[in-house]
């Protein structure tokens, strides 16, 4: 049993950064400002929370959870694009 636990390897730095980039790209696909910023902020916060994980099993578990969140965000981006509001947010109008 101990050998099975030690067989778990932590994701590489490149894999982690690639996953973060994918989450941020997916966040940019939301047309609604509030949802887009929430997904972006939550993605960055999640990676910052797990920045200090040194246990390979815990890092692998956090990476797997982030991958599942990426799939959820991708599905939600499609759904939101189908029902996108026609009016821009006040925050988006002010930034123009």
PDB file of N, CA and C in Angstrom:
ATOM      1  N   UNK A   1       0.814  -1.190   0.000  1.00  0.00           N
ATOM      2  CA  UNK A   1       0.000   0.000   0.000  1.00  0.00           C
ATOM      3  C   UNK A   1       0.861   1.259   0.000  1.00  0.00           C
ATOM      4  N   UNK A   2       1.972   1.245   0.692  1.00  0.00           N
ATOM      5  CA  UNK A   2       2.835   2.418   0.746  1.00  0.00           C
ATOM      6  C   UNK A   2       3.415   2.726  -0.625  1.00  0.00           C
ATOM      7  N   UNK A   3       3.673   1.696  -1.415  1.00  0.00           N
ATOM      8  CA  UNK A   3       4.239   1.942  -2.743  1.00  0.00           C
ATOM      9  C   UNK A   3       3.210   2.598  -3.670  1.00  0.00           C
ATOM     10  N   UNK A   4       1.932   2.307  -3.474  1.00  0.00           N
ATOM     11  CA  UNK A   4       0.895   2.918  -4.294  1.00  0.00           C
ATOM     12  C   UNK A   4       0.781   4.414  -3.990  1.00  0.00           C
ATOM     13  N   UNK A   5       0.924   4.774  -2.717  1.00  0.00           N
ATOM     14  CA  UNK A   5       0.837   6.177  -2.340  1.00  0.00           C
ATOM     15  C   UNK A   5       2.050   6.944  -2.847  1.00  0.00           C
ATOM     16  N   UNK A   6       3.223   6.315  -2.858  1.00  0.00           N
ATOM     17  CA  UNK A   6       4.412   7.010  -3.329  1.00  0.00           C
ATOM     18  C   UNK A   6       4.466   7.069  -4.854  1.00  0.00           C
ATOM     19  N   UNK A   7       3.625   6.286  -5.531  1.00  0.00           N
ATOM     20  CA  UNK A   7       3.601   6.290  -6.986  1.00  0.00           C
ATOM     21  C   UNK A   7       2.906   7.538  -7.543  1.00  0.00           C
ATOM     22  N   UNK A   8       2.164   8.240  -6.697  1.00  0.00           N
ATOM     23  CA  UNK A   8       1.487   9.460  -7.128  1.00  0.00           C
ATOM     24  C   UNK A   8       2.537  10.545  -7.319  1.00  0.00           C
ATOM     25  N   UNK A   9       2.542  11.151  -8.502  1.00  0.00           N
ATOM     26  CA  UNK A   9       3.519  12.213  -8.745  1.00  0.00           C
ATOM     27  C   UNK A   9       2.804  13.550  -8.880  1.00  0.00           C
ATOM     28  N   UNK A  10       3.475  14.554  -8.404  1.00  0.00           N
ATOM     29  CA  UNK A  10       2.926  15.906  -8.490  1.00  0.00           C
ATOM     30  C   UNK A  10       3.007  16.385  -9.933  1.00  0.00           C
ATOM     31  N   UNK A  11       2.069  17.207 -10.361  1.00  0.00           N
ATOM     32  CA  UNK A  11       2.125  17.749 -11.724  1.00  0.00           C
ATOM     33  C   UNK A  11       3.337  18.676 -11.862  1.00  0.00           C
ATOM     34  N   UNK A  12       3.864  18.754 -13.062  1.00  0.00           N
ATOM     35  CA  UNK A  12       5.014  19.631 -13.304  1.00  0.00           C
ATOM     36  C   UNK A  12       4.571  21.092 -13.290  1.00  0.00           C
ATOM     37  N   UNK A  13       5.526  21.960 -13.170  1.00  0.00           N
ATOM     38  CA  UNK A  13       5.253  23.403 -13.179  1.00  0.00           C
ATOM     39  C   UNK A  13       4.593  23.809 -14.500  1.00  0.00           C
ATOM     40  N   UNK A  14       5.061  23.241 -15.597  1.00  0.00           N
ATOM     41  CA  UNK A  14       4.489  23.559 -16.911  1.00  0.00           C
ATOM     42  C   UNK A  14       3.033  23.115 -16.995  1.00  0.00           C
ATOM     43  N   UNK A  15       2.710  21.953 -16.431  1.00  0.00           N
ATOM     44  CA  UNK A  15       1.323  21.476 -16.436  1.00  0.00           C
ATOM     45  C   UNK A  15       0.430  22.401 -15.616  1.00  0.00           C
ATOM     46  N   UNK A  16       0.930  22.827 -14.471  1.00  0.00           N
ATOM     47  CA  UNK A  16       0.153  23.705 -13.594  1.00  0.00           C
ATOM     48  C   UNK A  16      -0.089  25.055 -14.274  1.00  0.00           C
ATOM     49  N   UNK A  17       0.967  25.618 -14.854  1.00  0.00           N
ATOM     50  CA  UNK A  17       0.805  26.913 -15.531  1.00  0.00           C
ATOM     51  C   UNK A  17      -0.101  26.789 -16.752  1.00  0.00           C
ATOM     52  N   UNK A  18      -0.020  25.672 -17.454  1.00  0.00           N
ATOM     53  CA  UNK A  18      -0.900  25.453 -18.594  1.00  0.00           C
ATOM     54  C   UNK A  18      -2.357  25.369 -18.170  1.00  0.00           C
ATOM     55  N   UNK A  19      -2.596  24.715 -17.052  1.00  0.00           N
ATOM     56  CA  UNK A  19      -3.961  24.614 -16.534  1.00  0.00           C
ATOM     57  C   UNK A  19      -4.480  25.990 -16.114  1.00  0.00           C
ATOM     58  N   UNK A  20      -3.634  26.774 -15.462  1.00  0.00           N
ATOM     59  CA  UNK A  20      -4.040  28.125 -15.073  1.00  0.00           C
ATOM     60  C   UNK A  20      -4.353  28.970 -16.312  1.00  0.00           C
ATOM     61  N   UNK A  21      -3.511  28.886 -17.330  1.00  0.00           N
ATOM     62  CA  UNK A  21      -3.772  29.634 -18.566  1.00  0.00           C
ATOM     63  C   UNK A  21      -5.089  29.200 -19.197  1.00  0.00           C
ATOM     64  N   UNK A  22      -5.363  27.904 -19.184  1.00  0.00           N
ATOM     65  CA  UNK A  22      -6.623  27.407 -19.746  1.00  0.00           C
ATOM     66  C   UNK A  22      -7.820  27.953 -18.978  1.00  0.00           C
ATOM     67  N   UNK A  23      -7.709  27.996 -17.659  1.00  0.00           N
ATOM     68  CA  UNK A  23      -8.794  28.542 -16.847  1.00  0.00           C
ATOM     69  C   UNK A  23      -9.001  30.027 -17.140  1.00  0.00           C
ATOM     70  N   UNK A  24      -7.922  30.771 -17.282  1.00  0.00           N
ATOM     71  CA  UNK A  24      -8.050  32.202 -17.572  1.00  0.00           C
ATOM     72  C   UNK A  24      -8.599  32.435 -18.977  1.00  0.00           C
ATOM     73  N   UNK A  25      -8.203  31.606 -19.941  1.00  0.00           N
ATOM     74  CA  UNK A  25      -8.760  31.720 -21.297  1.00  0.00           C
ATOM     75  C   UNK A  25     -10.246  31.408 -21.294  1.00  0.00           C
ATOM     76  N   UNK A  26     -10.636  30.402 -20.515  1.00  0.00           N
ATOM     77  CA  UNK A  26     -12.046  30.045 -20.417  1.00  0.00           C
ATOM     78  C   UNK A  26     -12.826  31.166 -19.746  1.00  0.00           C
ATOM     79  N   UNK A  27     -12.246  31.786 -18.729  1.00  0.00           N
ATOM     80  CA  UNK A  27     -12.916  32.905 -18.050  1.00  0.00           C
ATOM     81  C   UNK A  27     -13.175  34.044 -19.029  1.00  0.00           C
ATOM     82  N   UNK A  28     -12.247  34.286 -19.936  1.00  0.00           N
ATOM     83  CA  UNK A  28     -12.395  35.377 -20.900  1.00  0.00           C
ATOM     84  C   UNK A  28     -13.540  35.134 -21.880  1.00  0.00           C
ATOM     85  N   UNK A  29     -14.005  33.909 -21.994  1.00  0.00           N
ATOM     86  CA  UNK A  29     -15.084  33.584 -22.928  1.00  0.00           C
ATOM     87  C   UNK A  29     -16.468  33.981 -22.418  1.00  0.00           C
ATOM     88  N   UNK A  30     -16.588  34.261 -21.127  1.00  0.00           N
ATOM     89  CA  UNK A  30     -17.884  34.665 -20.577  1.00  0.00           C
ATOM     90  C   UNK A  30     -18.170  36.094 -21.004  1.00  0.00           C
ATOM     91  N   UNK A  31     -19.340  36.313 -21.570  1.00  0.00           N
ATOM     92  CA  UNK A  31     -19.686  37.654 -22.036  1.00  0.00           C
ATOM     93  C   UNK A  31     -20.100  38.567 -20.881  1.00  0.00           C
ATOM     94  N   UNK A  32     -20.632  38.013 -19.824  1.00  0.00           N
ATOM     95  CA  UNK A  32     -21.065  38.798 -18.677  1.00  0.00           C
ATOM     96  C   UNK A  32     -19.861  39.179 -17.817  1.00  0.00           C
ATOM     97  N   UNK A  33     -19.696  40.468 -17.580  1.00  0.00           N
ATOM     98  CA  UNK A  33     -18.546  40.977 -16.833  1.00  0.00           C
ATOM     99  C   UNK A  33     -18.426  40.338 -15.449  1.00  0.00           C
ATOM    100  N   UNK A  34     -19.525  40.281 -14.719  1.00  0.00           N
ATOM    101  CA  UNK A  34     -19.484  39.761 -13.352  1.00  0.00           C
ATOM    102  C   UNK A  34     -19.065  38.298 -13.317  1.00  0.00           C
ATOM    103  N   UNK A  35     -19.596  37.498 -14.202  1.00  0.00           N
ATOM    104  CA  UNK A  35     -19.256  36.075 -14.239  1.00  0.00           C
ATOM    105  C   UNK A  35     -17.813  35.913 -14.689  1.00  0.00           C
ATOM    106  N   UNK A  36     -17.422  36.655 -15.715  1.00  0.00           N
ATOM    107  CA  UNK A  36     -16.058  36.574 -16.242  1.00  0.00           C
ATOM    108  C   UNK A  36     -15.039  36.902 -15.145  1.00  0.00           C
ATOM    109  N   UNK A  37     -15.273  37.986 -14.407  1.00  0.00           N
ATOM    110  CA  UNK A  37     -14.346  38.379 -13.349  1.00  0.00           C
ATOM    111  C   UNK A  37     -14.371  37.405 -12.178  1.00  0.00           C
ATOM    112  N   UNK A  38     -15.542  36.842 -11.872  1.00  0.00           N
ATOM    113  CA  UNK A  38     -15.626  35.862 -10.792  1.00  0.00           C
ATOM    114  C   UNK A  38     -14.796  34.631 -11.135  1.00  0.00           C
ATOM    115  N   UNK A  39     -14.950  34.112 -12.339  1.00  0.00           N
ATOM    116  CA  UNK A  39     -14.216  32.908 -12.738  1.00  0.00           C
ATOM    117  C   UNK A  39     -12.718  33.197 -12.749  1.00  0.00           C
ATOM    118  N   UNK A  40     -12.341  34.350 -13.254  1.00  0.00           N
ATOM    119  CA  UNK A  40     -10.929  34.730 -13.286  1.00  0.00           C
ATOM    120  C   UNK A  40     -10.353  34.831 -11.874  1.00  0.00           C
ATOM    121  N   UNK A  41     -11.064  35.566 -11.007  1.00  0.00           N
ATOM    122  CA  UNK A  41     -10.607  35.758  -9.630  1.00  0.00           C
ATOM    123  C   UNK A  41     -10.550  34.444  -8.868  1.00  0.00           C
ATOM    124  N   UNK A  42     -11.581  33.611  -9.037  1.00  0.00           N
ATOM    125  CA  UNK A  42     -11.629  32.337  -8.321  1.00  0.00           C
ATOM    126  C   UNK A  42     -10.513  31.401  -8.788  1.00  0.00           C
ATOM    127  N   UNK A  43     -10.205  31.434 -10.070  1.00  0.00           N
ATOM    128  CA  UNK A  43      -9.112  30.612 -10.596  1.00  0.00           C
ATOM    129  C   UNK A  43      -7.782  31.032  -9.984  1.00  0.00           C
ATOM    130  N   UNK A  44      -7.515  32.325 -10.002  1.00  0.00           N
ATOM    131  CA  UNK A  44      -6.253  32.813  -9.437  1.00  0.00           C
ATOM    132  C   UNK A  44      -6.163  32.536  -7.941  1.00  0.00           C
ATOM    133  N   UNK A  45      -7.260  32.749  -7.228  1.00  0.00           N
ATOM    134  CA  UNK A  45      -7.268  32.486  -5.783  1.00  0.00           C
ATOM    135  C   UNK A  45      -7.012  31.019  -5.475  1.00  0.00           C
ATOM    136  N   UNK A  46      -7.619  30.135  -6.256  1.00  0.00           N
ATOM    137  CA  UNK A  46      -7.421  28.706  -6.040  1.00  0.00           C
ATOM    138  C   UNK A  46      -5.977  28.288  -6.232  1.00  0.00           C
ATOM    139  N   UNK A  47      -5.326  28.846  -7.235  1.00  0.00           N
ATOM    140  CA  UNK A  47      -3.924  28.512  -7.461  1.00  0.00           C
ATOM    141  C   UNK A  47      -3.033  29.116  -6.384  1.00  0.00           C
ATOM    142  N   UNK A  48      -3.376  30.305  -5.918  1.00  0.00           N
ATOM    143  CA  UNK A  48      -2.590  30.917  -4.837  1.00  0.00           C
ATOM    144  C   UNK A  48      -2.729  30.121  -3.542  1.00  0.00           C
ATOM    145  N   UNK A  49      -3.927  29.607  -3.275  1.00  0.00           N
ATOM    146  CA  UNK A  49      -4.148  28.812  -2.060  1.00  0.00           C
ATOM    147  C   UNK A  49      -3.286  27.561  -2.051  1.00  0.00           C
ATOM    148  N   UNK A  50      -3.097  26.976  -3.215  1.00  0.00           N
ATOM    149  CA  UNK A  50      -2.364  25.711  -3.305  1.00  0.00           C
ATOM    150  C   UNK A  50      -0.913  25.889  -3.719  1.00  0.00           C
ATOM    151  N   UNK A  51      -0.435  27.101  -3.689  1.00  0.00           N
ATOM    152  CA  UNK A  51       0.928  27.410  -4.115  1.00  0.00           C
ATOM    153  C   UNK A  51       1.981  26.676  -3.289  1.00  0.00           C
ATOM    154  N   UNK A  52       1.719  26.504  -2.023  1.00  0.00           N
ATOM    155  CA  UNK A  52       2.703  25.919  -1.106  1.00  0.00           C
ATOM    156  C   UNK A  52       2.526  24.417  -0.888  1.00  0.00           C
ATOM    157  N   UNK A  53       1.827  23.734  -1.775  1.00  0.00           N
ATOM    158  CA  UNK A  53       1.652  22.287  -1.618  1.00  0.00           C
ATOM    159  C   UNK A  53       2.933  21.573  -2.033  1.00  0.00           C
ATOM    160  N   UNK A  54       3.522  20.856  -1.100  1.00  0.00           N
ATOM    161  CA  UNK A  54       4.738  20.119  -1.396  1.00  0.00           C
ATOM    162  C   UNK A  54       4.521  18.614  -1.386  1.00  0.00           C
ATOM    163  N   UNK A  55       3.425  18.183  -0.784  1.00  0.00           N
ATOM    164  CA  UNK A  55       3.088  16.758  -0.767  1.00  0.00           C
ATOM    165  C   UNK A  55       2.603  16.370  -2.165  1.00  0.00           C
ATOM    166  N   UNK A  56       3.256  15.412  -2.814  1.00  0.00           N
ATOM    167  CA  UNK A  56       2.856  15.041  -4.184  1.00  0.00           C
ATOM    168  C   UNK A  56       1.400  14.591  -4.294  1.00  0.00           C
ATOM    169  N   UNK A  57       0.911  13.876  -3.311  1.00  0.00           N
ATOM    170  CA  UNK A  57      -0.477  13.406  -3.359  1.00  0.00           C
ATOM    171  C   UNK A  57      -1.447  14.577  -3.254  1.00  0.00           C
ATOM    172  N   UNK A  58      -1.160  15.517  -2.364  1.00  0.00           N
ATOM    173  CA  UNK A  58      -2.035  16.681  -2.209  1.00  0.00           C
ATOM    174  C   UNK A  58      -1.983  17.567  -3.454  1.00  0.00           C
ATOM    175  N   UNK A  59      -0.797  17.724  -4.029  1.00  0.00           N
ATOM    176  CA  UNK A  59      -0.655  18.525  -5.250  1.00  0.00           C
ATOM    177  C   UNK A  59      -1.400  17.868  -6.407  1.00  0.00           C
ATOM    178  N   UNK A  60      -1.304  16.549  -6.515  1.00  0.00           N
ATOM    179  CA  UNK A  60      -2.007  15.828  -7.578  1.00  0.00           C
ATOM    180  C   UNK A  60      -3.522  15.938  -7.398  1.00  0.00           C
ATOM    181  N   UNK A  61      -3.984  15.883  -6.152  1.00  0.00           N
ATOM    182  CA  UNK A  61      -5.417  16.005  -5.880  1.00  0.00           C
ATOM    183  C   UNK A  61      -5.916  17.412  -6.220  1.00  0.00           C
ATOM    184  N   UNK A  62      -5.149  18.428  -5.856  1.00  0.00           N
ATOM    185  CA  UNK A  62      -5.528  19.806  -6.170  1.00  0.00           C
ATOM    186  C   UNK A  62      -5.529  20.023  -7.683  1.00  0.00           C
ATOM    187  N   UNK A  63      -4.571  19.442  -8.384  1.00  0.00           N
ATOM    188  CA  UNK A  63      -4.493  19.560  -9.838  1.00  0.00           C
ATOM    189  C   UNK A  63      -5.701  18.899 -10.484  1.00  0.00           C
ATOM    190  N   UNK A  64      -6.076  17.723 -10.002  1.00  0.00           N
ATOM    191  CA  UNK A  64      -7.245  17.025 -10.541  1.00  0.00           C
ATOM    192  C   UNK A  64      -8.522  17.823 -10.281  1.00  0.00           C
ATOM    193  N   UNK A  65      -8.628  18.427  -9.111  1.00  0.00           N
ATOM    194  CA  UNK A  65      -9.804  19.247  -8.801  1.00  0.00           C
ATOM    195  C   UNK A  65      -9.862  20.465  -9.722  1.00  0.00           C
ATOM    196  N   UNK A  66      -8.726  21.072  -9.996  1.00  0.00           N
ATOM    197  CA  UNK A  66      -8.695  22.233 -10.890  1.00  0.00           C
ATOM    198  C   UNK A  66      -9.062  21.831 -12.318  1.00  0.00           C
ATOM    199  N   UNK A  67      -8.631  20.637 -12.736  1.00  0.00           N
ATOM    200  CA  UNK A  67      -8.994  20.164 -14.076  1.00  0.00           C
ATOM    201  C   UNK A  67     -10.504  19.953 -14.189  1.00  0.00           C
ATOM    202  N   UNK A  68     -11.110  19.422 -13.139  1.00  0.00           N
ATOM    203  CA  UNK A  68     -12.561  19.230 -13.177  1.00  0.00           C
ATOM    204  C   UNK A  68     -13.280  20.579 -13.173  1.00  0.00           C
ATOM    205  N   UNK A  69     -12.724  21.568 -12.454  1.00  0.00           N
ATOM    206  CA  UNK A  69     -13.312  22.909 -12.463  1.00  0.00           C
ATOM    207  C   UNK A  69     -13.181  23.555 -13.841  1.00  0.00           C
ATOM    208  N   UNK A  70     -12.097  23.249 -14.544  1.00  0.00           N
ATOM    209  CA  UNK A  70     -11.930  23.757 -15.905  1.00  0.00           C
ATOM    210  C   UNK A  70     -13.021  23.213 -16.818  1.00  0.00           C
ATOM    211  N   UNK A  71     -13.321  21.934 -16.693  1.00  0.00           N
ATOM    212  CA  UNK A  71     -14.378  21.340 -17.517  1.00  0.00           C
ATOM    213  C   UNK A  71     -15.738  21.965 -17.199  1.00  0.00           C
ATOM    214  N   UNK A  72     -16.000  22.213 -15.926  1.00  0.00           N
ATOM    215  CA  UNK A  72     -17.258  22.867 -15.527  1.00  0.00           C
ATOM    216  C   UNK A  72     -17.318  24.268 -16.119  1.00  0.00           C
ATOM    217  N   UNK A  73     -16.222  25.013 -16.015  1.00  0.00           N
ATOM    218  CA  UNK A  73     -16.192  26.381 -16.547  1.00  0.00           C
ATOM    219  C   UNK A  73     -16.385  26.382 -18.060  1.00  0.00           C
ATOM    220  N   UNK A  74     -15.792  25.422 -18.751  1.00  0.00           N
ATOM    221  CA  UNK A  74     -15.970  25.344 -20.209  1.00  0.00           C
ATOM    222  C   UNK A  74     -17.433  25.086 -20.570  1.00  0.00           C
ATOM    223  N   UNK A  75     -18.068  24.167 -19.855  1.00  0.00           N
ATOM    224  CA  UNK A  75     -19.483  23.902 -20.126  1.00  0.00           C
ATOM    225  C   UNK A  75     -20.336  25.124 -19.821  1.00  0.00           C
ATOM    226  N   UNK A  76     -20.050  25.794 -18.718  1.00  0.00           N
ATOM    227  CA  UNK A  76     -20.824  26.973 -18.347  1.00  0.00           C
ATOM    228  C   UNK A  76     -20.614  28.114 -19.335  1.00  0.00           C
ATOM    229  N   UNK A  77     -19.422  28.242 -19.892  1.00  0.00           N
ATOM    230  CA  UNK A  77     -19.167  29.287 -20.886  1.00  0.00           C
ATOM    231  C   UNK A  77     -20.051  29.075 -22.110  1.00  0.00           C
ATOM    232  N   UNK A  78     -20.249  27.826 -22.498  1.00  0.00           N
ATOM    233  CA  UNK A  78     -21.124  27.534 -23.633  1.00  0.00           C
ATOM    234  C   UNK A  78     -22.559  27.893 -23.294  1.00  0.00           C
ATOM    235  N   UNK A  79     -23.011  27.511 -22.115  1.00  0.00           N
ATOM    236  CA  UNK A  79     -24.385  27.805 -21.705  1.00  0.00           C
ATOM    237  C   UNK A  79     -24.596  29.314 -21.607  1.00  0.00           C
ATOM    238  N   UNK A  80     -23.652  30.027 -20.989  1.00  0.00           N
ATOM    239  CA  UNK A  80     -23.778  31.477 -20.866  1.00  0.00           C
ATOM    240  C   UNK A  80     -23.778  32.151 -22.228  1.00  0.00           C
ATOM    241  N   UNK A  81     -23.037  31.621 -23.190  1.00  0.00           N
ATOM    242  CA  UNK A  81     -23.015  32.232 -24.523  1.00  0.00           C
ATOM    243  C   UNK A  81     -24.365  32.098 -25.213  1.00  0.00           C
ATOM    244  N   UNK A  82     -25.109  31.055 -24.882  1.00  0.00           N
ATOM    245  CA  UNK A  82     -26.431  30.873 -25.472  1.00  0.00           C
ATOM    246  C   UNK A  82     -27.450  31.852 -24.908  1.00  0.00           C
ATOM    247  N   UNK A  83     -27.263  32.238 -23.658  1.00  0.00           N
ATOM    248  CA  UNK A  83     -28.222  33.117 -22.985  1.00  0.00           C
ATOM    249  C   UNK A  83     -27.566  34.416 -22.538  1.00  0.00           C
ATOM    250  N   UNK A  84     -26.651  34.936 -23.308  1.00  0.00           N
ATOM    251  CA  UNK A  84     -25.907  36.142 -22.945  1.00  0.00           C
ATOM    252  C   UNK A  84     -26.826  37.357 -22.937  1.00  0.00           C
ATOM    253  N   UNK A  85     -26.662  38.225 -21.948  1.00  0.00           N
ATOM    254  CA  UNK A  85     -27.468  39.446 -21.925  1.00  0.00           C
ATOM    255  C   UNK A  85     -27.074  40.350 -23.091  1.00  0.00           C
ATOM    256  N   UNK A  86     -28.034  41.069 -23.618  1.00  0.00           N
ATOM    257  CA  UNK A  86     -27.781  41.954 -24.759  1.00  0.00           C
ATOM    258  C   UNK A  86     -27.204  43.297 -24.315  1.00  0.00           C
ATOM    259  N   UNK A  87     -27.360  43.631 -23.051  1.00  0.00           N
ATOM    260  CA  UNK A  87     -26.902  44.915 -22.533  1.00  0.00           C
ATOM    261  C   UNK A  87     -25.603  44.701 -21.757  1.00  0.00           C
ATOM    262  N   UNK A  88     -24.640  45.590 -21.965  1.00  0.00           N
ATOM    263  CA  UNK A  88     -23.377  45.488 -21.247  1.00  0.00           C
ATOM    264  C   UNK A  88     -23.548  45.963 -19.809  1.00  0.00           C
ATOM    265  N   UNK A  89     -22.651  45.483 -18.959  1.00  0.00           N
ATOM    266  CA  UNK A  89     -22.622  45.896 -17.576  1.00  0.00           C
ATOM    267  C   UNK A  89     -22.186  47.356 -17.481  1.00  0.00           C
ATOM    268  N   UNK A  90     -22.584  48.036 -16.420  1.00  0.00           N
ATOM    269  CA  UNK A  90     -22.190  49.420 -16.202  1.00  0.00           C
ATOM    270  C   UNK A  90     -20.667  49.523 -16.126  1.00  0.00           C
ATOM    271  N   UNK A  91     -20.033  48.542 -15.521  1.00  0.00           N
ATOM    272  CA  UNK A  91     -18.579  48.558 -15.398  1.00  0.00           C
ATOM    273  C   UNK A  91     -17.898  48.455 -16.757  1.00  0.00           C
ATOM    274  N   UNK A  92     -18.494  47.718 -17.670  1.00  0.00           N
ATOM    275  CA  UNK A  92     -17.926  47.601 -19.011  1.00  0.00           C
ATOM    276  C   UNK A  92     -18.134  48.886 -19.805  1.00  0.00           C
ATOM    277  N   UNK A  93     -19.258  49.537 -19.604  1.00  0.00           N
ATOM    278  CA  UNK A  93     -19.549  50.781 -20.318  1.00  0.00           C
ATOM    279  C   UNK A  93     -18.596  51.892 -19.859  1.00  0.00           C
ATOM    280  N   UNK A  94     -18.316  51.958 -18.541  1.00  0.00           N
ATOM    281  CA  UNK A  94     -17.427  52.987 -18.013  1.00  0.00           C
ATOM    282  C   UNK A  94     -16.001  52.811 -18.489  1.00  0.00           C
ATOM    283  N   UNK A  95     -15.578  51.589 -18.745  1.00  0.00           N
ATOM    284  CA  UNK A  95     -14.194  51.344 -19.149  1.00  0.00           C
ATOM    285  C   UNK A  95     -13.928  51.719 -20.607  1.00  0.00           C
ATOM    286  N   UNK A  96     -14.985  51.965 -21.364  1.00  0.00           N
ATOM    287  CA  UNK A  96     -14.815  52.316 -22.790  1.00  0.00           C
ATOM    288  C   UNK A  96     -14.414  53.714 -22.960  1.00  0.00           C
TER     289      UNK A  96
END
